[in-house]
Amino acid sequence: SEVTFITMNVSKLILMLLLVNHFLACLWYFIGTLSQGSQTENWIDSDQLFADKNFGYRYTTSLHWSLTQFTPASMSVQPQNVYERTFAIAVLVFGLVLFSSFISAITASMSQLGKMQDDKSKQFWLLRRFLRQHNVENQLSFRVLRYVEYACRETEEFVAESRVQVLNLLSEQLWNELQYVVSFGCMQIHPLFVRAGQISNMG
């Protein structure tokens, strides 16, 4: 259904954002270890003594730092040399563009989902009001509401041809082939038509 598709789309965007931050966190930690090897001040050997922590804590700290570059949140970890500072600036600029795109896409998806839910809720509210105004008995009202809920689910799952506007872009040949499969696809599984197709191909 469209609700499931929108929910999956939002989940995919969030997962992509986490993957990007994972990659940036690894780079941030890698730059820190390089600075360690060259005996340069770095965020790992800063006054918070991250070098004494286990690897899991250092990784989550790097991931936390990466996430804060995409959001207004603050973080105690700060660049300690020119390489870390340059990388932090680059991540800030990159995050400004990327995070804005992610937020825009997620907001659009959530707005679309909210509009769909609002329209459906309004229709059910009008139906209940209609049943109450006409003094429909509770048992019949319950049956009507249950059937309408079932019909709505079926309608949401069924994709009508009129809703797929990109089909108008198909060539005439592709359109005819698609129409044949859509219209007669259910008949092709019948043994009689399967055999007829085999004989036709042999001929």
C-alpha atoms as a PDB file:
ATOM      1  CA  SER A   1       0.000   0.000   0.000  1.00  0.00           C
ATOM      2  CA  GLU A   2       1.010   3.649  -0.294  1.00  0.00           C
ATOM      3  CA  VAL A   3       1.339   3.982   3.484  1.00  0.00           C
ATOM      4  CA  THR A   4       3.795   1.076   3.594  1.00  0.00           C
ATOM      5  CA  PHE A   5       5.742   2.529   0.657  1.00  0.00           C
ATOM      6  CA  ILE A   6       6.044   5.953   2.320  1.00  0.00           C
ATOM      7  CA  THR A   7       7.067   4.377   5.637  1.00  0.00           C
ATOM      8  CA  MET A   8       9.716   2.287   3.886  1.00  0.00           C
ATOM      9  CA  ASN A   9      10.953   5.364   2.041  1.00  0.00           C
ATOM     10  CA  VAL A  10      11.377   7.311   5.289  1.00  0.00           C
ATOM     11  CA  SER A  11      13.160   4.326   6.879  1.00  0.00           C
ATOM     12  CA  LYS A  12      15.480   4.105   3.876  1.00  0.00           C
ATOM     13  CA  LEU A  13      16.370   7.794   4.154  1.00  0.00           C
ATOM     14  CA  ILE A  14      17.163   7.453   7.868  1.00  0.00           C
ATOM     15  CA  LEU A  15      19.287   4.360   7.197  1.00  0.00           C
ATOM     16  CA  MET A  16      21.200   6.182   4.448  1.00  0.00           C
ATOM     17  CA  LEU A  17      21.841   9.090   6.817  1.00  0.00           C
ATOM     18  CA  LEU A  18      23.231   6.698   9.440  1.00  0.00           C
ATOM     19  CA  LEU A  19      25.464   5.012   6.850  1.00  0.00           C
ATOM     20  CA  VAL A  20      26.869   8.368   5.726  1.00  0.00           C
ATOM     21  CA  ASN A  21      27.564   9.287   9.357  1.00  0.00           C
ATOM     22  CA  HIS A  22      29.209   5.907   9.937  1.00  0.00           C
ATOM     23  CA  PHE A  23      31.567   6.566   7.017  1.00  0.00           C
ATOM     24  CA  LEU A  24      32.391  10.078   8.268  1.00  0.00           C
ATOM     25  CA  ALA A  25      32.933   8.768  11.815  1.00  0.00           C
ATOM     26  CA  CYS A  26      35.436   6.226  10.507  1.00  0.00           C
ATOM     27  CA  LEU A  27      37.287   8.965   8.616  1.00  0.00           C
ATOM     28  CA  TRP A  28      37.315  11.190  11.704  1.00  0.00           C
ATOM     29  CA  TYR A  29      38.773   8.386  13.799  1.00  0.00           C
ATOM     30  CA  PHE A  30      41.297   7.555  11.058  1.00  0.00           C
ATOM     31  CA  ILE A  31      42.513  11.159  10.945  1.00  0.00           C
ATOM     32  CA  GLY A  32      42.927  11.082  14.730  1.00  0.00           C
ATOM     33  CA  THR A  33      45.018   7.905  14.591  1.00  0.00           C
ATOM     34  CA  LEU A  34      47.207   9.389  11.840  1.00  0.00           C
ATOM     35  CA  SER A  35      47.852  12.420  14.019  1.00  0.00           C
ATOM     36  CA  GLN A  36      48.732  10.064  16.882  1.00  0.00           C
ATOM     37  CA  GLY A  37      51.350   8.354  14.734  1.00  0.00           C
ATOM     38  CA  SER A  38      52.951  11.672  13.784  1.00  0.00           C
ATOM     39  CA  GLN A  39      53.096  12.831  17.423  1.00  0.00           C
ATOM     40  CA  THR A  40      50.667  15.679  16.700  1.00  0.00           C
ATOM     41  CA  GLU A  41      47.964  16.923  19.007  1.00  0.00           C
ATOM     42  CA  ASN A  42      44.705  15.138  18.175  1.00  0.00           C
ATOM     43  CA  TRP A  43      41.237  14.633  19.537  1.00  0.00           C
ATOM     44  CA  ILE A  44      41.978  11.068  20.719  1.00  0.00           C
ATOM     45  CA  ASP A  45      44.806  12.238  23.026  1.00  0.00           C
ATOM     46  CA  SER A  46      42.951  15.364  24.147  1.00  0.00           C
ATOM     47  CA  ASP A  47      42.316  16.240  27.785  1.00  0.00           C
ATOM     48  CA  GLN A  48      39.402  13.792  27.836  1.00  0.00           C
ATOM     49  CA  LEU A  49      41.828  10.872  27.342  1.00  0.00           C
ATOM     50  CA  PHE A  50      39.883   8.976  24.699  1.00  0.00           C
ATOM     51  CA  ALA A  51      43.008   6.899  24.058  1.00  0.00           C
ATOM     52  CA  ASP A  52      42.436   5.134  27.403  1.00  0.00           C
ATOM     53  CA  LYS A  53      38.903   4.129  26.419  1.00  0.00           C
ATOM     54  CA  ASN A  54      38.002   0.911  24.589  1.00  0.00           C
ATOM     55  CA  PHE A  55      37.451   0.820  20.847  1.00  0.00           C
ATOM     56  CA  GLY A  56      33.650   0.726  21.132  1.00  0.00           C
ATOM     57  CA  TYR A  57      33.601   3.932  23.169  1.00  0.00           C
ATOM     58  CA  ARG A  58      35.916   5.695  20.710  1.00  0.00           C
ATOM     59  CA  TYR A  59      33.778   4.599  17.757  1.00  0.00           C
ATOM     60  CA  THR A  60      30.524   5.768  19.331  1.00  0.00           C
ATOM     61  CA  THR A  61      32.246   9.051  20.200  1.00  0.00           C
ATOM     62  CA  SER A  62      33.266   9.446  16.546  1.00  0.00           C
ATOM     63  CA  LEU A  63      29.722   8.635  15.420  1.00  0.00           C
ATOM     64  CA  HIS A  64      28.323  11.114  17.942  1.00  0.00           C
ATOM     65  CA  TRP A  65      30.693  13.788  16.613  1.00  0.00           C
ATOM     66  CA  SER A  66      29.647  13.027  13.027  1.00  0.00           C
ATOM     67  CA  LEU A  67      25.942  13.307  13.860  1.00  0.00           C
ATOM     68  CA  THR A  68      26.430  16.647  15.599  1.00  0.00           C
ATOM     69  CA  GLN A  69      27.938  18.090  12.396  1.00  0.00           C
ATOM     70  CA  PHE A  70      24.582  17.494  10.680  1.00  0.00           C
ATOM     71  CA  THR A  71      22.444  18.928  13.479  1.00  0.00           C
ATOM     72  CA  PRO A  72      22.508  21.932  15.845  1.00  0.00           C
ATOM     73  CA  ALA A  73      23.589  19.617  18.708  1.00  0.00           C
ATOM     74  CA  SER A  74      26.839  20.302  20.573  1.00  0.00           C
ATOM     75  CA  MET A  75      29.777  17.979  21.238  1.00  0.00           C
ATOM     76  CA  SER A  76      32.738  18.147  23.629  1.00  0.00           C
ATOM     77  CA  VAL A  77      35.120  16.663  21.040  1.00  0.00           C
ATOM     78  CA  GLN A  78      36.932  19.406  19.125  1.00  0.00           C
ATOM     79  CA  PRO A  79      39.586  19.399  16.368  1.00  0.00           C
ATOM     80  CA  GLN A  80      43.102  19.690  17.772  1.00  0.00           C
ATOM     81  CA  ASN A  81      45.165  20.260  14.604  1.00  0.00           C
ATOM     82  CA  VAL A  82      44.849  21.752  11.138  1.00  0.00           C
ATOM     83  CA  TYR A  83      43.970  18.435   9.488  1.00  0.00           C
ATOM     84  CA  GLU A  84      41.140  17.710  11.891  1.00  0.00           C
ATOM     85  CA  ARG A  85      39.939  21.316  11.616  1.00  0.00           C
ATOM     86  CA  THR A  86      39.942  21.161   7.791  1.00  0.00           C
ATOM     87  CA  PHE A  87      38.042  17.881   7.815  1.00  0.00           C
ATOM     88  CA  ALA A  88      35.509  19.297  10.287  1.00  0.00           C
ATOM     89  CA  ILE A  89      34.889  22.307   8.034  1.00  0.00           C
ATOM     90  CA  ALA A  90      34.433  20.062   4.994  1.00  0.00           C
ATOM     91  CA  VAL A  91      31.954  17.871   6.909  1.00  0.00           C
ATOM     92  CA  LEU A  92      30.011  20.944   8.042  1.00  0.00           C
ATOM     93  CA  VAL A  93      29.612  22.187   4.465  1.00  0.00           C
ATOM     94  CA  PHE A  94      28.747  18.695   3.223  1.00  0.00           C
ATOM     95  CA  GLY A  95      26.307  18.158   6.082  1.00  0.00           C
ATOM     96  CA  LEU A  96      24.595  21.495   5.449  1.00  0.00           C
ATOM     97  CA  VAL A  97      23.639  20.406   1.926  1.00  0.00           C
ATOM     98  CA  LEU A  98      23.012  16.706   2.561  1.00  0.00           C
ATOM     99  CA  PHE A  99      21.070  17.059   5.794  1.00  0.00           C
ATOM    100  CA  SER A 100      18.818  19.718   4.269  1.00  0.00           C
ATOM    101  CA  SER A 101      18.012  17.344   1.411  1.00  0.00           C
ATOM    102  CA  PHE A 102      17.258  14.488   3.811  1.00  0.00           C
ATOM    103  CA  ILE A 103      15.041  16.655   5.996  1.00  0.00           C
ATOM    104  CA  SER A 104      13.177  17.968   2.953  1.00  0.00           C
ATOM    105  CA  ALA A 105      12.546  14.443   1.630  1.00  0.00           C
ATOM    106  CA  ILE A 106      11.462  13.088   5.019  1.00  0.00           C
ATOM    107  CA  THR A 107       9.185  16.089   5.646  1.00  0.00           C
ATOM    108  CA  ALA A 108       7.534  15.656   2.240  1.00  0.00           C
ATOM    109  CA  SER A 109       6.967  11.943   2.882  1.00  0.00           C
ATOM    110  CA  MET A 110       5.549  12.540   6.357  1.00  0.00           C
ATOM    111  CA  SER A 111       3.276  15.311   5.047  1.00  0.00           C
ATOM    112  CA  GLN A 112       1.981  12.993   2.328  1.00  0.00           C
ATOM    113  CA  LEU A 113       1.389  10.234   4.879  1.00  0.00           C
ATOM    114  CA  GLY A 114      -0.391  12.654   7.224  1.00  0.00           C
ATOM    115  CA  LYS A 115      -2.622  13.946   4.426  1.00  0.00           C
ATOM    116  CA  MET A 116      -3.621  10.413   3.458  1.00  0.00           C
ATOM    117  CA  GLN A 117      -4.468   9.557   7.058  1.00  0.00           C
ATOM    118  CA  ASP A 118      -6.401  12.812   7.536  1.00  0.00           C
ATOM    119  CA  ASP A 119      -8.503  12.236   4.415  1.00  0.00           C
ATOM    120  CA  LYS A 120      -9.317   8.693   5.486  1.00  0.00           C
ATOM    121  CA  SER A 121     -10.138   9.747   9.055  1.00  0.00           C
ATOM    122  CA  LYS A 122     -12.404  12.524   7.802  1.00  0.00           C
ATOM    123  CA  GLN A 123     -14.351  10.105   5.606  1.00  0.00           C
ATOM    124  CA  PHE A 124     -14.866   7.675   8.488  1.00  0.00           C
ATOM    125  CA  TRP A 125     -15.927  10.542  10.762  1.00  0.00           C
ATOM    126  CA  LEU A 126     -18.507  11.644   8.188  1.00  0.00           C
ATOM    127  CA  LEU A 127     -19.743   8.071   7.842  1.00  0.00           C
ATOM    128  CA  ARG A 128     -20.222   7.695  11.618  1.00  0.00           C
ATOM    129  CA  ARG A 129     -21.999  11.040  11.741  1.00  0.00           C
ATOM    130  CA  PHE A 130     -24.268   9.984   8.868  1.00  0.00           C
ATOM    131  CA  LEU A 131     -25.166   6.741  10.647  1.00  0.00           C
ATOM    132  CA  ARG A 132     -25.931   8.536  13.924  1.00  0.00           C
ATOM    133  CA  GLN A 133     -28.087  11.213  12.262  1.00  0.00           C
ATOM    134  CA  HIS A 134     -30.219   8.530  10.632  1.00  0.00           C
ATOM    135  CA  ASN A 135     -30.521   6.506  13.836  1.00  0.00           C
ATOM    136  CA  VAL A 136     -28.999   3.389  12.316  1.00  0.00           C
ATOM    137  CA  GLU A 137     -28.900   0.584  14.855  1.00  0.00           C
ATOM    138  CA  ASN A 138     -25.540  -0.322  16.363  1.00  0.00           C
ATOM    139  CA  GLN A 139     -25.295  -3.775  14.810  1.00  0.00           C
ATOM    140  CA  LEU A 140     -25.853  -2.482  11.280  1.00  0.00           C
ATOM    141  CA  SER A 141     -23.523   0.479  11.889  1.00  0.00           C
ATOM    142  CA  PHE A 142     -20.800  -1.913  13.008  1.00  0.00           C
ATOM    143  CA  ARG A 143     -21.229  -4.064   9.887  1.00  0.00           C
ATOM    144  CA  VAL A 144     -21.148  -1.001   7.624  1.00  0.00           C
ATOM    145  CA  LEU A 145     -17.991   0.350   9.244  1.00  0.00           C
ATOM    146  CA  ARG A 146     -16.243  -3.019   9.103  1.00  0.00           C
ATOM    147  CA  TYR A 147     -17.076  -3.471   5.435  1.00  0.00           C
ATOM    148  CA  VAL A 148     -15.944   0.062   4.547  1.00  0.00           C
ATOM    149  CA  GLU A 149     -12.634  -0.563   6.359  1.00  0.00           C
ATOM    150  CA  TYR A 150     -12.198  -3.774   4.377  1.00  0.00           C
ATOM    151  CA  ALA A 151     -13.097  -2.038   1.096  1.00  0.00           C
ATOM    152  CA  CYS A 152     -10.621   0.776   1.823  1.00  0.00           C
ATOM    153  CA  ARG A 153      -7.811  -1.711   2.412  1.00  0.00           C
ATOM    154  CA  GLU A 154      -8.616  -3.481  -0.846  1.00  0.00           C
ATOM    155  CA  THR A 155      -8.745  -0.167  -2.717  1.00  0.00           C
ATOM    156  CA  GLU A 156      -5.384   0.934  -1.294  1.00  0.00           C
ATOM    157  CA  GLU A 157      -3.728  -2.314  -2.350  1.00  0.00           C
ATOM    158  CA  PHE A 158      -5.225  -2.279  -5.863  1.00  0.00           C
ATOM    159  CA  VAL A 159      -3.400   0.039  -8.274  1.00  0.00           C
ATOM    160  CA  ALA A 160      -5.772   1.233 -10.980  1.00  0.00           C
ATOM    161  CA  GLU A 161      -4.427   1.958 -14.439  1.00  0.00           C
ATOM    162  CA  SER A 162      -5.700   5.546 -14.270  1.00  0.00           C
ATOM    163  CA  ARG A 163      -3.430   6.258 -11.274  1.00  0.00           C
ATOM    164  CA  VAL A 164      -0.224   5.308 -13.140  1.00  0.00           C
ATOM    165  CA  GLN A 165       0.219   8.337 -15.379  1.00  0.00           C
ATOM    166  CA  VAL A 166       3.693   7.293 -16.596  1.00  0.00           C
ATOM    167  CA  LEU A 167       2.053   4.507 -18.606  1.00  0.00           C
ATOM    168  CA  ASN A 168       1.174   7.196 -21.159  1.00  0.00           C
ATOM    169  CA  LEU A 169       4.863   7.387 -22.017  1.00  0.00           C
ATOM    170  CA  LEU A 170       4.982   3.805 -23.343  1.00  0.00           C
ATOM    171  CA  SER A 171       5.254   3.105 -27.050  1.00  0.00           C
ATOM    172  CA  GLU A 172       2.244   1.556 -28.782  1.00  0.00           C
ATOM    173  CA  GLN A 173       3.941  -1.845 -29.023  1.00  0.00           C
ATOM    174  CA  LEU A 174       4.886  -1.943 -25.342  1.00  0.00           C
ATOM    175  CA  TRP A 175       1.420  -0.717 -24.385  1.00  0.00           C
ATOM    176  CA  ASN A 176      -0.253  -3.501 -26.407  1.00  0.00           C
ATOM    177  CA  GLU A 177       2.031  -6.146 -24.900  1.00  0.00           C
ATOM    178  CA  LEU A 178       1.353  -4.862 -21.399  1.00  0.00           C
ATOM    179  CA  GLN A 179      -2.393  -4.752 -21.988  1.00  0.00           C
ATOM    180  CA  TYR A 180      -2.330  -8.323 -23.262  1.00  0.00           C
ATOM    181  CA  VAL A 181      -0.476  -9.604 -20.172  1.00  0.00           C
ATOM    182  CA  VAL A 182      -2.678  -7.613 -17.763  1.00  0.00           C
ATOM    183  CA  SER A 183      -5.936  -8.631 -19.450  1.00  0.00           C
ATOM    184  CA  PHE A 184      -5.215 -12.247 -20.346  1.00  0.00           C
ATOM    185  CA  GLY A 185      -2.428 -13.161 -17.914  1.00  0.00           C
ATOM    186  CA  CYS A 186      -4.786 -15.108 -15.672  1.00  0.00           C
ATOM    187  CA  MET A 187      -5.848 -17.272 -18.617  1.00  0.00           C
ATOM    188  CA  GLN A 188      -2.298 -18.254 -19.532  1.00  0.00           C
ATOM    189  CA  ILE A 189      -2.006 -20.568 -16.518  1.00  0.00           C
ATOM    190  CA  HIS A 190      -4.897 -22.730 -17.725  1.00  0.00           C
ATOM    191  CA  PRO A 191      -3.550 -26.045 -19.156  1.00  0.00           C
ATOM    192  CA  LEU A 192      -5.573 -25.617 -22.364  1.00  0.00           C
ATOM    193  CA  PHE A 193      -4.032 -22.241 -23.194  1.00  0.00           C
ATOM    194  CA  VAL A 194      -0.567 -23.379 -22.095  1.00  0.00           C
ATOM    195  CA  ARG A 195      -0.788 -26.300 -24.523  1.00  0.00           C
ATOM    196  CA  ALA A 196      -2.142 -24.043 -27.256  1.00  0.00           C
ATOM    197  CA  GLY A 197       0.807 -21.691 -26.758  1.00  0.00           C
ATOM    198  CA  GLN A 198       3.282 -24.560 -26.991  1.00  0.00           C
ATOM    199  CA  ILE A 199       1.702 -25.810 -30.226  1.00  0.00           C
ATOM    200  CA  SER A 200       1.730 -22.288 -31.625  1.00  0.00           C
ATOM    201  CA  ASN A 201       5.432 -21.877 -30.836  1.00  0.00           C
ATOM    202  CA  MET A 202       6.238 -25.258 -32.405  1.00  0.00           C
ATOM    203  CA  GLY A 203       4.375 -24.259 -35.545  1.00  0.00           C
END
